[in-house]
């Protein structure tokens, strides 16, 4: 279960897209495992530069956020979703790792100065 999920009203008003997003959330939850409880997830409907529909998903935690864009048909392929979610979550983990390393080094520097 995610810490928080926000689905834009434009998605909720389109039953087919809503179903695809719900399926994608299930795949995302499986991909990130127990870490899902640390994540806030936002789903929004948008368009690309050629005015084609896209769905933007944002994954956020206390260290930062990442986002990915999906064509509506991409949301129906569990294998496609799984691979893209692994990469997206990996990007968030990299942000988290850098932030934790910065905090660790800052703490080590402070303790050496005392």
C-alpha atoms as a PDB file:
ATOM      1  CA  UNK A   1       0.000   0.000   0.000  1.00  0.00           C
ATOM      2  CA  UNK A   2       1.386   3.360  -1.004  1.00  0.00           C
ATOM      3  CA  UNK A   3       1.765   6.176   1.504  1.00  0.00           C
ATOM      4  CA  UNK A   4      -0.498   8.331  -0.674  1.00  0.00           C
ATOM      5  CA  UNK A   5      -2.010   8.062  -4.157  1.00  0.00           C
ATOM      6  CA  UNK A   6      -3.429  10.972  -6.126  1.00  0.00           C
ATOM      7  CA  UNK A   7      -5.264  10.384  -9.388  1.00  0.00           C
ATOM      8  CA  UNK A   8      -6.182  13.458 -11.416  1.00  0.00           C
ATOM      9  CA  UNK A   9      -9.919  13.928 -12.019  1.00  0.00           C
ATOM     10  CA  UNK A  10      -9.374  13.708 -15.798  1.00  0.00           C
ATOM     11  CA  UNK A  11      -8.239  10.115 -15.333  1.00  0.00           C
ATOM     12  CA  UNK A  12     -11.072   9.242 -12.963  1.00  0.00           C
ATOM     13  CA  UNK A  13     -13.653  10.503 -15.433  1.00  0.00           C
ATOM     14  CA  UNK A  14     -12.383   8.113 -18.149  1.00  0.00           C
ATOM     15  CA  UNK A  15     -13.314   4.596 -17.026  1.00  0.00           C
ATOM     16  CA  UNK A  16     -10.963   2.869 -19.483  1.00  0.00           C
ATOM     17  CA  UNK A  17      -8.014   5.028 -18.457  1.00  0.00           C
ATOM     18  CA  UNK A  18      -8.934   4.691 -14.783  1.00  0.00           C
ATOM     19  CA  UNK A  19      -8.840   0.905 -15.141  1.00  0.00           C
ATOM     20  CA  UNK A  20      -5.479   1.049 -16.895  1.00  0.00           C
ATOM     21  CA  UNK A  21      -4.040   3.269 -14.139  1.00  0.00           C
ATOM     22  CA  UNK A  22      -5.367   0.923 -11.440  1.00  0.00           C
ATOM     23  CA  UNK A  23      -3.682  -1.994 -13.221  1.00  0.00           C
ATOM     24  CA  UNK A  24      -0.464   0.027 -13.500  1.00  0.00           C
ATOM     25  CA  UNK A  25      -0.575   0.825  -9.773  1.00  0.00           C
ATOM     26  CA  UNK A  26      -0.810  -2.876  -9.000  1.00  0.00           C
ATOM     27  CA  UNK A  27       2.241  -3.568 -11.199  1.00  0.00           C
ATOM     28  CA  UNK A  28       4.110  -0.642  -9.606  1.00  0.00           C
ATOM     29  CA  UNK A  29       3.356  -1.944  -6.129  1.00  0.00           C
ATOM     30  CA  UNK A  30       4.686  -5.367  -7.086  1.00  0.00           C
ATOM     31  CA  UNK A  31       7.809  -3.808  -8.646  1.00  0.00           C
ATOM     32  CA  UNK A  32       8.789  -1.768  -5.579  1.00  0.00           C
ATOM     33  CA  UNK A  33       7.644  -4.312  -3.008  1.00  0.00           C
ATOM     34  CA  UNK A  34       7.531  -3.314   0.659  1.00  0.00           C
ATOM     35  CA  UNK A  35       9.032   0.076  -0.206  1.00  0.00           C
ATOM     36  CA  UNK A  36       5.649   1.098  -1.625  1.00  0.00           C
ATOM     37  CA  UNK A  37       4.614   2.281   1.853  1.00  0.00           C
ATOM     38  CA  UNK A  38       7.317   4.966   1.628  1.00  0.00           C
ATOM     39  CA  UNK A  39       6.086   6.366  -1.680  1.00  0.00           C
ATOM     40  CA  UNK A  40       3.598   9.012  -2.698  1.00  0.00           C
ATOM     41  CA  UNK A  41       2.301   8.478  -6.225  1.00  0.00           C
ATOM     42  CA  UNK A  42       0.616  11.005  -8.504  1.00  0.00           C
ATOM     43  CA  UNK A  43      -1.108  10.186 -11.780  1.00  0.00           C
ATOM     44  CA  UNK A  44      -1.966  12.957 -14.238  1.00  0.00           C
ATOM     45  CA  UNK A  45      -3.275  13.087 -17.774  1.00  0.00           C
ATOM     46  CA  UNK A  46      -1.234  15.235 -20.153  1.00  0.00           C
ATOM     47  CA  UNK A  47      -0.221  15.372 -23.832  1.00  0.00           C
ATOM     48  CA  UNK A  48       3.020  15.171 -25.751  1.00  0.00           C
ATOM     49  CA  UNK A  49       4.332  17.773 -28.189  1.00  0.00           C
ATOM     50  CA  UNK A  50       2.073  16.328 -30.922  1.00  0.00           C
ATOM     51  CA  UNK A  51      -0.986  16.606 -28.681  1.00  0.00           C
ATOM     52  CA  UNK A  52      -1.234  12.833 -28.155  1.00  0.00           C
ATOM     53  CA  UNK A  53      -2.529  11.714 -24.766  1.00  0.00           C
ATOM     54  CA  UNK A  54      -0.032  10.648 -22.117  1.00  0.00           C
ATOM     55  CA  UNK A  55      -0.195   9.693 -18.477  1.00  0.00           C
ATOM     56  CA  UNK A  56       2.468  11.111 -16.179  1.00  0.00           C
ATOM     57  CA  UNK A  57       3.307   9.244 -13.003  1.00  0.00           C
ATOM     58  CA  UNK A  58       5.371  10.843 -10.247  1.00  0.00           C
ATOM     59  CA  UNK A  59       7.016   8.844  -7.494  1.00  0.00           C
ATOM     60  CA  UNK A  60       7.992  10.849  -4.433  1.00  0.00           C
ATOM     61  CA  UNK A  61       9.605  10.153  -1.105  1.00  0.00           C
ATOM     62  CA  UNK A  62      11.363  12.284   1.512  1.00  0.00           C
ATOM     63  CA  UNK A  63      14.474  12.582  -0.666  1.00  0.00           C
ATOM     64  CA  UNK A  64      13.038  13.652  -4.015  1.00  0.00           C
ATOM     65  CA  UNK A  65      10.856  12.708  -6.910  1.00  0.00           C
ATOM     66  CA  UNK A  66      10.997  11.183 -10.381  1.00  0.00           C
ATOM     67  CA  UNK A  67       8.453  11.080 -13.164  1.00  0.00           C
ATOM     68  CA  UNK A  68       7.697   8.939 -16.163  1.00  0.00           C
ATOM     69  CA  UNK A  69       5.362   9.296 -19.132  1.00  0.00           C
ATOM     70  CA  UNK A  70       3.238   6.524 -20.568  1.00  0.00           C
ATOM     71  CA  UNK A  71       1.035   6.295 -23.620  1.00  0.00           C
ATOM     72  CA  UNK A  72      -2.359   4.927 -22.547  1.00  0.00           C
ATOM     73  CA  UNK A  73      -1.730   1.652 -24.411  1.00  0.00           C
ATOM     74  CA  UNK A  74       1.532   1.178 -22.464  1.00  0.00           C
ATOM     75  CA  UNK A  75      -0.504   0.949 -19.260  1.00  0.00           C
ATOM     76  CA  UNK A  76      -2.047  -2.330 -20.404  1.00  0.00           C
ATOM     77  CA  UNK A  77       1.217  -4.277 -20.804  1.00  0.00           C
ATOM     78  CA  UNK A  78       2.406  -5.575 -17.442  1.00  0.00           C
ATOM     79  CA  UNK A  79       5.835  -6.494 -18.845  1.00  0.00           C
ATOM     80  CA  UNK A  80       6.359  -3.024 -20.326  1.00  0.00           C
ATOM     81  CA  UNK A  81       5.184  -1.402 -17.102  1.00  0.00           C
ATOM     82  CA  UNK A  82       7.351  -3.572 -14.896  1.00  0.00           C
ATOM     83  CA  UNK A  83      10.515  -2.714 -16.805  1.00  0.00           C
ATOM     84  CA  UNK A  84       9.753   0.997 -16.893  1.00  0.00           C
ATOM     85  CA  UNK A  85       8.803   1.047 -13.207  1.00  0.00           C
ATOM     86  CA  UNK A  86      12.035  -0.719 -12.237  1.00  0.00           C
ATOM     87  CA  UNK A  87      13.993   1.984 -14.051  1.00  0.00           C
ATOM     88  CA  UNK A  88      11.906   4.812 -12.621  1.00  0.00           C
ATOM     89  CA  UNK A  89      12.173   3.484  -9.081  1.00  0.00           C
ATOM     90  CA  UNK A  90      15.891   2.895  -9.599  1.00  0.00           C
ATOM     91  CA  UNK A  91      16.231   6.583 -10.452  1.00  0.00           C
ATOM     92  CA  UNK A  92      14.490   7.501  -7.190  1.00  0.00           C
ATOM     93  CA  UNK A  93      16.729   5.128  -5.245  1.00  0.00           C
ATOM     94  CA  UNK A  94      19.757   6.811  -6.784  1.00  0.00           C
ATOM     95  CA  UNK A  95      18.490  10.202  -5.586  1.00  0.00           C
ATOM     96  CA  UNK A  96      17.908   8.704  -2.134  1.00  0.00           C
ATOM     97  CA  UNK A  97      21.371   7.169  -2.068  1.00  0.00           C
ATOM     98  CA  UNK A  98      23.028  10.474  -3.005  1.00  0.00           C
ATOM     99  CA  UNK A  99      21.047  12.365  -0.373  1.00  0.00           C
ATOM    100  CA  UNK A 100      21.887   9.836   2.332  1.00  0.00           C
ATOM    101  CA  UNK A 101      25.551   9.921   1.345  1.00  0.00           C
ATOM    102  CA  UNK A 102      25.553  13.732   1.533  1.00  0.00           C
ATOM    103  CA  UNK A 103      23.992  13.569   5.006  1.00  0.00           C
ATOM    104  CA  UNK A 104      26.487  10.954   6.123  1.00  0.00           C
ATOM    105  CA  UNK A 105      29.446  12.961   4.855  1.00  0.00           C
ATOM    106  CA  UNK A 106      28.082  16.157   6.385  1.00  0.00           C
ATOM    107  CA  UNK A 107      27.676  14.381   9.711  1.00  0.00           C
ATOM    108  CA  UNK A 108      31.171  12.919   9.523  1.00  0.00           C
ATOM    109  CA  UNK A 109      32.598  16.337   8.706  1.00  0.00           C
ATOM    110  CA  UNK A 110      30.768  17.928  11.630  1.00  0.00           C
ATOM    111  CA  UNK A 111      31.987  15.294  14.078  1.00  0.00           C
ATOM    112  CA  UNK A 112      35.594  15.728  12.883  1.00  0.00           C
ATOM    113  CA  UNK A 113      35.383  19.471  13.502  1.00  0.00           C
ATOM    114  CA  UNK A 114      34.379  19.017  17.149  1.00  0.00           C
END
